Amino acid sequence: MKKLIIVFLACMLLGLNVKAQPIIYAVTSEGNLNWYKHKGYQDGTPEMQGPVTIGFGGWNGFKSVFASTDIIYAITQDGNLVWYKHTGYQNGTTDMQGAVTIGFGGWDSYKSVFVSGNILYAITKKGDLLWYNHTGYQNGTTEIIGAKTISSGGWNAYKSVFGFGNIIYAITRDGDLVWYRHLGYYAGTPEMQGPVTIGFTGWQGYKSVFCGGKGIIYAISKDGNLYYYKHIGFQTGSTEMKGPILIGQTGWQSYLFVTSSH
């Protein structure tokens, strides 16, 4: 039993996730929430289940939408943080808990917000990276630890920032892909490995980029194609990368928000 616990904790520290088949959520311009399951996630084959509409109307009113496993967060136009739990996330059913407001005001002031597990990262307009721990993430209660500043300045220079586990990726204005590992992920301390450049040029051309866990990165081109990458060196920050592989043709650029469980 002790060995199993040690292995589980080691996997979490490395940014691994034991769940299979990443779930992709996409918000249409009409305000519906669509669900996809990428069955070919291990090797980048285009086996995809969906789209299935699991939320009808209203999702286009949010400032941003982002997900982690079965939890979906959204930021309202007036700055509240809203929580949902998609209990039907593995099968694409409409079973959903929420909306529950767990943060009141101020969340709209951030340049961007992304989630990894129950850890929320926020980038301020002056470029600081903040850490929050939503300890009530499983049941939608308002217990949130933070904000803690874990890195001061410079993060607003990135075109986009996203991550999974304790791995954070950032895209520079020049199009490079940069890797970080937040060693202080659980406690919100500032110990950080990186930045390490793992991809050179071209990444700025995508409309959006997001993580699927286990080193998987999805990217949507401006002409609406969905591409798959697998960062084989995600644990160490090495440049070993598989992709891009085309897994979805056209139409993806029409979504307002696209995010993935991880």
Protein backbone atom coordinates (compact mmCIF):
# COMPACT_ATOMS: atom_id res chain seq x y z
CA MET A 1 0.00 0.00 0.00
CA LYS A 2 2.81 2.44 0.85
CA LYS A 3 4.45 1.74 -2.52
CA LEU A 4 1.18 2.47 -4.35
CA ILE A 5 0.80 5.78 -2.52
CA ILE A 6 4.39 6.75 -3.36
CA VAL A 7 3.87 5.92 -7.05
CA PHE A 8 0.64 7.95 -7.14
CA LEU A 9 2.28 10.99 -5.56
CA ALA A 10 5.25 10.72 -7.91
CA CYS A 11 2.91 10.71 -10.91
CA MET A 12 1.16 13.81 -9.66
CA LEU A 13 4.43 15.65 -9.14
CA LEU A 14 5.49 14.81 -12.69
CA GLY A 15 2.30 16.28 -14.08
CA LEU A 16 0.87 12.91 -15.08
CA ASN A 17 -2.82 12.12 -15.08
CA VAL A 18 -4.15 8.59 -14.82
CA LYS A 19 -7.37 9.27 -16.73
CA ALA A 20 -7.65 8.22 -20.36
CA GLN A 21 -9.06 9.90 -23.44
CA PRO A 22 -8.99 13.69 -23.05
CA ILE A 23 -12.33 15.45 -23.14
CA ILE A 24 -12.53 18.61 -25.25
CA TYR A 25 -15.16 21.26 -24.49
CA ALA A 26 -16.07 23.91 -27.06
CA VAL A 27 -18.43 26.88 -26.83
CA THR A 28 -20.36 27.79 -29.97
CA SER A 29 -21.19 31.35 -31.03
CA GLU A 30 -24.84 30.54 -30.24
CA GLY A 31 -23.85 29.79 -26.65
CA ASN A 32 -24.03 26.00 -26.58
CA LEU A 33 -21.41 23.81 -24.91
CA ASN A 34 -20.17 20.93 -27.05
CA TRP A 35 -18.35 17.80 -25.86
CA TYR A 36 -15.75 15.70 -27.69
CA LYS A 37 -13.70 12.68 -26.62
CA HIS A 38 -10.36 12.15 -28.36
CA LYS A 39 -10.09 8.36 -28.44
CA GLY A 40 -6.86 8.48 -30.45
CA TYR A 41 -5.01 10.58 -27.88
CA GLN A 42 -2.18 8.11 -27.30
CA ASP A 43 -0.68 8.28 -30.78
CA GLY A 44 -2.53 11.20 -32.38
CA THR A 45 -4.96 9.30 -34.56
CA PRO A 46 -8.10 11.26 -35.47
CA GLU A 47 -10.58 8.99 -33.67
CA MET A 48 -12.97 11.51 -32.14
CA GLN A 49 -16.36 11.05 -30.51
CA GLY A 50 -18.63 14.07 -30.85
CA PRO A 51 -19.61 16.81 -31.06
CA VAL A 52 -22.37 16.28 -28.51
CA THR A 53 -24.23 19.32 -27.18
CA ILE A 54 -24.28 19.09 -23.39
CA GLY A 55 -25.17 22.69 -22.51
CA PHE A 56 -27.84 24.73 -24.24
CA GLY A 57 -27.45 28.51 -24.39
CA GLY A 58 -25.68 31.08 -22.26
CA TRP A 59 -22.11 29.87 -22.50
CA ASN A 60 -21.22 32.62 -24.99
CA GLY A 61 -21.85 35.20 -22.27
CA PHE A 62 -18.71 34.27 -20.34
CA LYS A 63 -15.41 36.12 -20.60
CA SER A 64 -13.51 32.80 -20.55
CA VAL A 65 -14.11 29.08 -20.01
CA PHE A 66 -11.51 26.49 -18.92
CA ALA A 67 -11.61 22.91 -17.62
CA SER A 68 -9.77 20.33 -15.53
CA THR A 69 -11.02 16.70 -15.46
CA ASP A 70 -14.80 16.98 -14.87
CA ILE A 71 -14.66 20.52 -13.47
CA ILE A 72 -15.44 23.50 -15.70
CA TYR A 73 -14.73 27.06 -14.60
CA ALA A 74 -16.03 30.22 -16.23
CA ILE A 75 -15.48 33.91 -15.63
CA THR A 76 -18.47 36.20 -16.01
CA GLN A 77 -18.32 39.60 -17.66
CA ASP A 78 -18.65 41.25 -14.24
CA GLY A 79 -15.72 39.27 -12.83
CA ASN A 80 -17.22 36.40 -10.89
CA LEU A 81 -15.70 32.90 -10.96
CA VAL A 82 -18.28 30.21 -11.65
CA TRP A 83 -17.97 26.44 -11.07
CA TYR A 84 -19.60 23.53 -12.87
CA LYS A 85 -19.14 19.78 -12.46
CA HIS A 86 -19.88 17.75 -15.57
CA THR A 87 -20.81 14.44 -13.96
CA GLY A 88 -21.42 12.99 -17.42
CA TYR A 89 -18.01 14.01 -18.75
CA GLN A 90 -16.78 10.52 -19.64
CA ASN A 91 -19.85 9.63 -21.71
CA GLY A 92 -20.94 13.04 -23.00
CA THR A 93 -24.29 13.12 -21.20
CA THR A 94 -25.87 16.40 -20.10
CA ASP A 95 -25.59 15.68 -16.35
CA MET A 96 -24.16 18.89 -14.91
CA GLN A 97 -23.91 20.44 -11.44
CA GLY A 98 -23.82 24.24 -11.31
CA ALA A 99 -23.57 27.06 -12.05
CA VAL A 100 -22.18 27.93 -8.60
CA THR A 101 -20.45 31.26 -7.99
CA ILE A 102 -17.29 30.54 -5.99
CA GLY A 103 -15.44 33.84 -6.47
CA PHE A 104 -17.07 37.24 -6.27
CA GLY A 105 -15.59 40.01 -8.43
CA GLY A 106 -12.10 40.75 -9.68
CA TRP A 107 -11.47 37.72 -11.87
CA ASP A 108 -12.09 39.77 -15.01
CA SER A 109 -9.12 41.98 -14.16
CA TYR A 110 -6.62 39.23 -15.04
CA LYS A 111 -4.98 39.03 -18.44
CA SER A 112 -5.63 35.26 -18.43
CA VAL A 113 -6.59 32.43 -16.07
CA PHE A 114 -5.98 28.69 -16.51
CA VAL A 115 -6.47 25.64 -14.32
CA SER A 116 -4.56 22.48 -13.49
CA GLY A 117 -6.28 20.06 -11.13
CA ASN A 118 -7.59 22.22 -8.31
CA ILE A 119 -4.86 24.84 -8.85
CA LEU A 120 -5.83 28.04 -10.62
CA TYR A 121 -3.14 30.24 -12.15
CA ALA A 122 -3.80 33.87 -13.04
CA ILE A 123 -1.65 36.38 -14.90
CA THR A 124 -2.04 39.99 -13.90
CA LYS A 125 -1.92 42.82 -16.40
CA LYS A 126 1.45 43.90 -15.01
CA GLY A 127 2.82 40.40 -15.61
CA ASP A 128 2.81 38.60 -12.27
CA LEU A 129 1.88 34.90 -12.07
CA LEU A 130 -0.54 34.17 -9.23
CA TRP A 131 -1.50 30.83 -7.63
CA TYR A 132 -4.82 29.83 -6.10
CA ASN A 133 -5.83 26.49 -4.57
CA HIS A 134 -9.55 25.80 -4.89
CA THR A 135 -9.79 23.31 -2.04
CA GLY A 136 -13.55 23.08 -2.59
CA TYR A 137 -13.21 22.13 -6.25
CA GLN A 138 -14.90 18.71 -5.94
CA ASN A 139 -18.18 20.07 -4.55
CA GLY A 140 -18.15 23.70 -5.65
CA THR A 141 -17.67 25.37 -2.29
CA THR A 142 -15.95 28.74 -2.02
CA GLU A 143 -12.82 27.62 -0.13
CA ILE A 144 -9.95 29.10 -2.10
CA ILE A 145 -6.40 29.62 -0.81
CA GLY A 146 -4.55 32.51 -2.44
CA ALA A 147 -3.74 34.61 -4.27
CA LYS A 148 -0.01 33.94 -3.89
CA THR A 149 2.51 35.58 -6.21
CA ILE A 150 4.81 32.83 -7.42
CA SER A 151 6.60 34.80 -10.16
CA SER A 152 6.94 38.55 -10.51
CA GLY A 153 6.80 40.25 -13.89
CA GLY A 154 7.17 39.16 -17.49
CA TRP A 155 4.26 36.76 -17.88
CA ASN A 156 2.15 39.35 -19.69
CA ALA A 157 4.68 39.27 -22.54
CA TYR A 158 3.54 35.80 -23.56
CA LYS A 159 0.91 35.40 -26.27
CA SER A 160 -0.73 32.58 -24.32
CA VAL A 161 -0.05 30.44 -21.23
CA PHE A 162 -1.55 27.03 -20.42
CA GLY A 163 -0.61 23.87 -18.57
CA PHE A 164 -1.41 20.60 -16.81
CA GLY A 165 -0.21 19.17 -13.51
CA ASN A 166 2.79 21.22 -12.46
CA ILE A 167 3.85 21.81 -16.08
CA ILE A 168 3.28 25.26 -17.57
CA TYR A 169 3.70 26.11 -21.25
CA ALA A 170 3.93 29.61 -22.71
CA ILE A 171 4.05 30.92 -26.27
CA THR A 172 6.26 33.90 -26.96
CA ARG A 173 5.35 36.73 -29.35
CA ASP A 174 8.04 35.34 -31.68
CA GLY A 175 6.32 31.97 -31.74
CA ASP A 176 8.55 29.86 -29.51
CA LEU A 177 7.07 27.32 -27.10
CA VAL A 178 8.51 27.61 -23.59
CA TRP A 179 8.36 25.02 -20.76
CA TYR A 180 8.25 25.53 -16.99
CA ARG A 181 7.79 23.17 -14.08
CA HIS A 182 6.30 24.65 -10.93
CA LEU A 183 8.02 22.71 -8.17
CA GLY A 184 5.95 24.57 -5.58
CA TYR A 185 2.69 23.52 -7.23
CA TYR A 186 0.99 22.12 -4.13
CA ALA A 187 2.00 24.77 -1.61
CA GLY A 188 2.02 27.82 -3.87
CA THR A 189 5.71 28.49 -3.28
CA PRO A 190 7.76 30.13 -6.05
CA GLU A 191 10.21 27.29 -6.85
CA MET A 192 10.19 27.04 -10.63
CA GLN A 193 12.26 25.24 -13.30
CA GLY A 194 12.53 27.09 -16.60
CA PRO A 195 12.00 28.81 -18.88
CA VAL A 196 13.26 26.26 -21.39
CA THR A 197 12.53 26.73 -25.09
CA ILE A 198 11.22 23.42 -26.45
CA GLY A 199 9.65 24.57 -29.74
CA PHE A 200 11.12 27.09 -32.14
CA THR A 201 8.88 29.49 -34.12
CA GLY A 202 5.44 28.96 -35.59
CA TRP A 203 3.40 28.56 -32.42
CA GLN A 204 2.15 32.15 -32.56
CA GLY A 205 0.24 31.33 -35.74
CA TYR A 206 -2.36 29.23 -33.94
CA LYS A 207 -5.71 30.70 -32.94
CA SER A 208 -5.63 28.80 -29.65
CA VAL A 209 -3.46 26.19 -27.91
CA PHE A 210 -4.39 24.06 -24.88
CA CYS A 211 -3.33 20.93 -22.98
CA GLY A 212 -4.89 17.47 -22.88
CA GLY A 213 -2.63 16.07 -20.15
CA LYS A 214 0.30 13.60 -20.31
CA GLY A 215 2.26 15.95 -22.56
CA ILE A 216 -0.56 16.24 -25.10
CA ILE A 217 -1.00 19.67 -26.68
CA TYR A 218 -3.84 20.61 -29.00
CA ALA A 219 -3.66 23.58 -31.38
CA ILE A 220 -6.30 25.19 -33.58
CA SER A 221 -5.13 26.87 -36.76
CA LYS A 222 -6.66 30.09 -38.06
CA ASP A 223 -8.26 28.13 -40.91
CA GLY A 224 -10.01 25.87 -38.41
CA ASN A 225 -7.98 22.66 -38.29
CA LEU A 226 -7.26 20.86 -35.03
CA TYR A 227 -3.70 19.59 -34.56
CA TYR A 228 -2.20 17.18 -32.04
CA TYR A 229 1.26 17.30 -30.48
CA LYS A 230 2.77 15.02 -27.87
CA HIS A 231 5.60 16.52 -25.85
CA ILE A 232 7.48 13.33 -25.06
CA GLY A 233 9.94 15.29 -22.94
CA PHE A 234 7.30 17.01 -20.81
CA GLN A 235 8.71 15.65 -17.55
CA THR A 236 12.19 17.10 -18.08
CA GLY A 237 11.68 19.97 -20.50
CA SER A 238 13.56 18.29 -23.35
CA THR A 239 12.61 19.14 -26.94
CA GLU A 240 11.31 15.67 -27.91
CA MET A 241 8.01 16.38 -29.65
CA LYS A 242 5.67 14.35 -31.85
CA GLY A 243 3.54 16.32 -34.30
CA PRO A 244 1.87 18.33 -35.60
CA ILE A 245 -0.70 15.73 -36.63
CA LEU A 246 -3.99 16.80 -38.19
CA ILE A 247 -6.86 15.24 -36.21
CA GLY A 248 -9.78 17.55 -37.06
CA GLN A 249 -10.48 19.30 -40.34
CA THR A 250 -12.09 22.76 -40.53
CA GLY A 251 -14.69 24.37 -38.31
CA TRP A 252 -12.75 24.53 -35.06
CA GLN A 253 -11.98 28.24 -35.51
CA SER A 254 -15.68 29.06 -35.19
CA TYR A 255 -15.76 28.17 -31.49
CA LEU A 256 -15.51 31.03 -28.99
CA PHE A 257 -13.66 28.95 -26.38
CA VAL A 258 -12.03 25.52 -26.60
CA THR A 259 -10.56 23.76 -23.57
CA SER A 260 -9.69 20.22 -22.52
CA SER A 261 -9.90 18.14 -19.37
CA HIS A 262 -6.48 17.04 -18.12
